[in-house]
C-alpha atoms as a PDB file:
ATOM      1  CA  MET A   1     -16.787 100.573 -26.337  1.00  0.00           C
ATOM      2  CA  ASN A   2     -13.388  98.884 -26.525  1.00  0.00           C
ATOM      3  CA  THR A   3     -13.544  98.036 -22.813  1.00  0.00           C
ATOM      4  CA  MET A   4     -16.923  96.351 -23.224  1.00  0.00           C
ATOM      5  CA  PHE A   5     -15.663  94.384 -26.209  1.00  0.00           C
ATOM      6  CA  ILE A   6     -12.669  93.138 -24.175  1.00  0.00           C
ATOM      7  CA  LEU A   7     -14.872  92.186 -21.220  1.00  0.00           C
ATOM      8  CA  LEU A   8     -17.257  90.262 -23.457  1.00  0.00           C
ATOM      9  CA  GLN A   9     -14.373  88.281 -24.929  1.00  0.00           C
ATOM     10  CA  ALA A  10     -12.887  87.529 -21.515  1.00  0.00           C
ATOM     11  CA  GLN A  11     -16.056  85.987 -20.098  1.00  0.00           C
ATOM     12  CA  PRO A  12     -15.679  82.262 -19.471  1.00  0.00           C
ATOM     13  CA  GLN A  13     -17.369  80.181 -22.090  1.00  0.00           C
ATOM     14  CA  GLY A  14     -19.801  77.519 -20.937  1.00  0.00           C
ATOM     15  CA  GLY A  15     -19.904  74.012 -22.310  1.00  0.00           C
ATOM     16  CA  GLY A  16     -16.980  72.463 -20.421  1.00  0.00           C
ATOM     17  CA  ILE A  17     -19.012  69.313 -19.841  1.00  0.00           C
ATOM     18  CA  SER A  18     -20.046  69.107 -23.493  1.00  0.00           C
ATOM     19  CA  PHE A  19     -16.382  69.343 -24.519  1.00  0.00           C
ATOM     20  CA  LEU A  20     -15.562  66.473 -22.156  1.00  0.00           C
ATOM     21  CA  VAL A  21     -18.418  64.365 -23.526  1.00  0.00           C
ATOM     22  CA  THR A  22     -17.265  65.091 -27.082  1.00  0.00           C
ATOM     23  CA  MET A  23     -13.697  64.033 -26.301  1.00  0.00           C
ATOM     24  CA  VAL A  24     -14.873  60.806 -24.651  1.00  0.00           C
ATOM     25  CA  LEU A  25     -17.109  60.102 -27.648  1.00  0.00           C
ATOM     26  CA  ILE A  26     -14.205  60.650 -30.058  1.00  0.00           C
ATOM     27  CA  PHE A  27     -12.015  58.277 -28.040  1.00  0.00           C
ATOM     28  CA  VAL A  28     -14.724  55.582 -28.026  1.00  0.00           C
ATOM     29  CA  ILE A  29     -15.190  55.878 -31.786  1.00  0.00           C
ATOM     30  CA  MET A  30     -11.429  55.670 -32.351  1.00  0.00           C
ATOM     31  CA  TRP A  31     -11.231  52.591 -30.140  1.00  0.00           C
ATOM     32  CA  ILE A  32     -14.076  50.873 -32.003  1.00  0.00           C
ATOM     33  CA  PHE A  33     -12.801  51.590 -35.503  1.00  0.00           C
ATOM     34  CA  MET A  34      -9.007  51.607 -35.048  1.00  0.00           C
ATOM     35  CA  PHE A  35      -7.691  49.857 -31.965  1.00  0.00           C
ATOM     36  CA  ARG A  36     -10.141  46.977 -31.606  1.00  0.00           C
ATOM     37  CA  PRO A  37      -9.679  45.587 -35.153  1.00  0.00           C
ATOM     38  CA  GLN A  38      -5.906  45.787 -34.714  1.00  0.00           C
ATOM     39  CA  GLN A  39      -6.131  43.855 -31.444  1.00  0.00           C
ATOM     40  CA  LYS A  40      -8.287  41.191 -33.111  1.00  0.00           C
ATOM     41  CA  LYS A  41      -5.804  40.852 -35.965  1.00  0.00           C
ATOM     42  CA  GLN A  42      -2.875  40.487 -33.548  1.00  0.00           C
ATOM     43  CA  LYS A  43      -4.782  37.808 -31.635  1.00  0.00           C
ATOM     44  CA  GLU A  44      -5.458  35.882 -34.868  1.00  0.00           C
ATOM     45  CA  ILE A  45      -1.774  36.049 -35.836  1.00  0.00           C
ATOM     46  CA  GLN A  46      -0.726  34.812 -32.393  1.00  0.00           C
ATOM     47  CA  ASN A  47      -3.232  31.943 -32.547  1.00  0.00           C
ATOM     48  CA  PHE A  48      -1.845  30.980 -35.970  1.00  0.00           C
ATOM     49  CA  ARG A  49       1.726  31.039 -34.663  1.00  0.00           C
ATOM     50  CA  ASN A  50       0.765  28.816 -31.739  1.00  0.00           C
ATOM     51  CA  SER A  51      -1.002  26.321 -34.034  1.00  0.00           C
ATOM     52  CA  ILE A  52       1.897  25.832 -36.473  1.00  0.00           C
ATOM     53  CA  GLU A  53       2.781  22.185 -36.947  1.00  0.00           C
ATOM     54  CA  VAL A  54       5.302  20.304 -39.055  1.00  0.00           C
ATOM     55  CA  GLY A  55       4.137  20.417 -42.687  1.00  0.00           C
ATOM     56  CA  THR A  56       2.393  23.788 -42.414  1.00  0.00           C
ATOM     57  CA  GLN A  57       3.011  26.178 -45.303  1.00  0.00           C
ATOM     58  CA  VAL A  58       4.122  29.599 -44.044  1.00  0.00           C
ATOM     59  CA  VAL A  59       5.284  33.013 -45.221  1.00  0.00           C
ATOM     60  CA  THR A  60       7.929  34.806 -43.170  1.00  0.00           C
ATOM     61  CA  ALA A  61       8.085  38.526 -42.492  1.00  0.00           C
ATOM     62  CA  GLY A  62      10.725  38.763 -45.231  1.00  0.00           C
ATOM     63  CA  GLY A  63       8.363  37.231 -47.782  1.00  0.00           C
ATOM     64  CA  ILE A  64      10.013  33.812 -47.890  1.00  0.00           C
ATOM     65  CA  TYR A  65       7.592  30.973 -48.651  1.00  0.00           C
ATOM     66  CA  GLY A  66       8.254  27.550 -47.230  1.00  0.00           C
ATOM     67  CA  ILE A  67       7.085  24.466 -45.372  1.00  0.00           C
ATOM     68  CA  VAL A  68       7.799  23.878 -41.691  1.00  0.00           C
ATOM     69  CA  LYS A  69      10.023  20.805 -41.323  1.00  0.00           C
ATOM     70  CA  ALA A  70      10.843  21.002 -37.602  1.00  0.00           C
ATOM     71  CA  ILE A  71       9.932  23.033 -34.538  1.00  0.00           C
ATOM     72  CA  GLU A  72      12.466  23.835 -31.836  1.00  0.00           C
ATOM     73  CA  GLU A  73      10.233  24.774 -28.899  1.00  0.00           C
ATOM     74  CA  ALA A  74      13.045  25.638 -26.493  1.00  0.00           C
ATOM     75  CA  GLU A  75      14.409  28.355 -28.777  1.00  0.00           C
ATOM     76  CA  ASN A  76      11.043  29.334 -30.321  1.00  0.00           C
ATOM     77  CA  VAL A  77      12.481  28.576 -33.768  1.00  0.00           C
ATOM     78  CA  LEU A  78      11.008  26.959 -36.861  1.00  0.00           C
ATOM     79  CA  VAL A  79      13.061  25.086 -39.446  1.00  0.00           C
ATOM     80  CA  VAL A  80      11.527  25.998 -42.795  1.00  0.00           C
ATOM     81  CA  GLU A  81      12.323  24.285 -46.084  1.00  0.00           C
ATOM     82  CA  ILE A  82      12.302  26.910 -48.836  1.00  0.00           C
ATOM     83  CA  ALA A  83      13.569  24.676 -51.668  1.00  0.00           C
ATOM     84  CA  ARG A  84      14.544  21.044 -52.037  1.00  0.00           C
ATOM     85  CA  ASP A  85      17.211  20.384 -49.385  1.00  0.00           C
ATOM     86  CA  VAL A  86      17.445  24.088 -48.461  1.00  0.00           C
ATOM     87  CA  LYS A  87      16.353  24.726 -44.887  1.00  0.00           C
ATOM     88  CA  ILE A  88      16.499  27.914 -42.838  1.00  0.00           C
ATOM     89  CA  ARG A  89      15.871  28.619 -39.175  1.00  0.00           C
ATOM     90  CA  VAL A  90      13.431  31.449 -38.490  1.00  0.00           C
ATOM     91  CA  ASP A  91      12.012  32.854 -35.304  1.00  0.00           C
ATOM     92  CA  ARG A  92       8.411  31.804 -34.797  1.00  0.00           C
ATOM     93  CA  ASN A  93       7.406  35.454 -34.330  1.00  0.00           C
ATOM     94  CA  SER A  94       8.572  36.306 -37.855  1.00  0.00           C
ATOM     95  CA  VAL A  95       5.946  34.037 -39.423  1.00  0.00           C
ATOM     96  CA  TYR A  96       2.817  35.934 -40.325  1.00  0.00           C
ATOM     97  CA  ALA A  97       0.499  33.892 -42.498  1.00  0.00           C
ATOM     98  CA  THR A  98      -0.123  30.873 -44.565  1.00  0.00           C
ATOM     99  CA  PRO A  99       0.360  31.596 -48.254  1.00  0.00           C
ATOM    100  CA  PRO A 100      -2.764  31.963 -50.362  1.00  0.00           C
ATOM    101  CA  ALA A 101      -3.649  29.008 -52.528  1.00  0.00           C
ATOM    102  CA  THR A 102      -1.918  29.273 -55.880  1.00  0.00           C
ATOM    103  CA  GLN A 103      -3.992  28.718 -58.968  1.00  0.00           C
ATOM    104  CA  ASN A 104      -2.471  26.971 -61.982  1.00  0.00           C
END
C-alpha cells in the first residue's frame, strides 16, 4: 500500500500549459495596474520639466517652493527665487510639480 501511495504522488501532474497561461495573465494584469500608470506619470513629469519657462511656479524635490527666474540650458539648471532677492540653482530634474493654488 505504501508503494502505491508513493507512485501516485510521483506521477507528473498535468496542467503545465494552464500554469503558463496563469503566469502570463498575472504579468499582464500587473503591467496594466502597476507599471503602465507609473510610466504615464513619469511621462507627465518629464513633459512638465521640458515646458518650464521663466516665471513658472515650481516645487523642488526637497519641498522648496519658488518661481523660476532663469534657465541655464547648457547645465540643465534652473535659477529659482524662493524669497525676495534669494535665488538658488537647482537641477531641472529635481523639480516635480507646480504648487497647488493656495486659498486665502
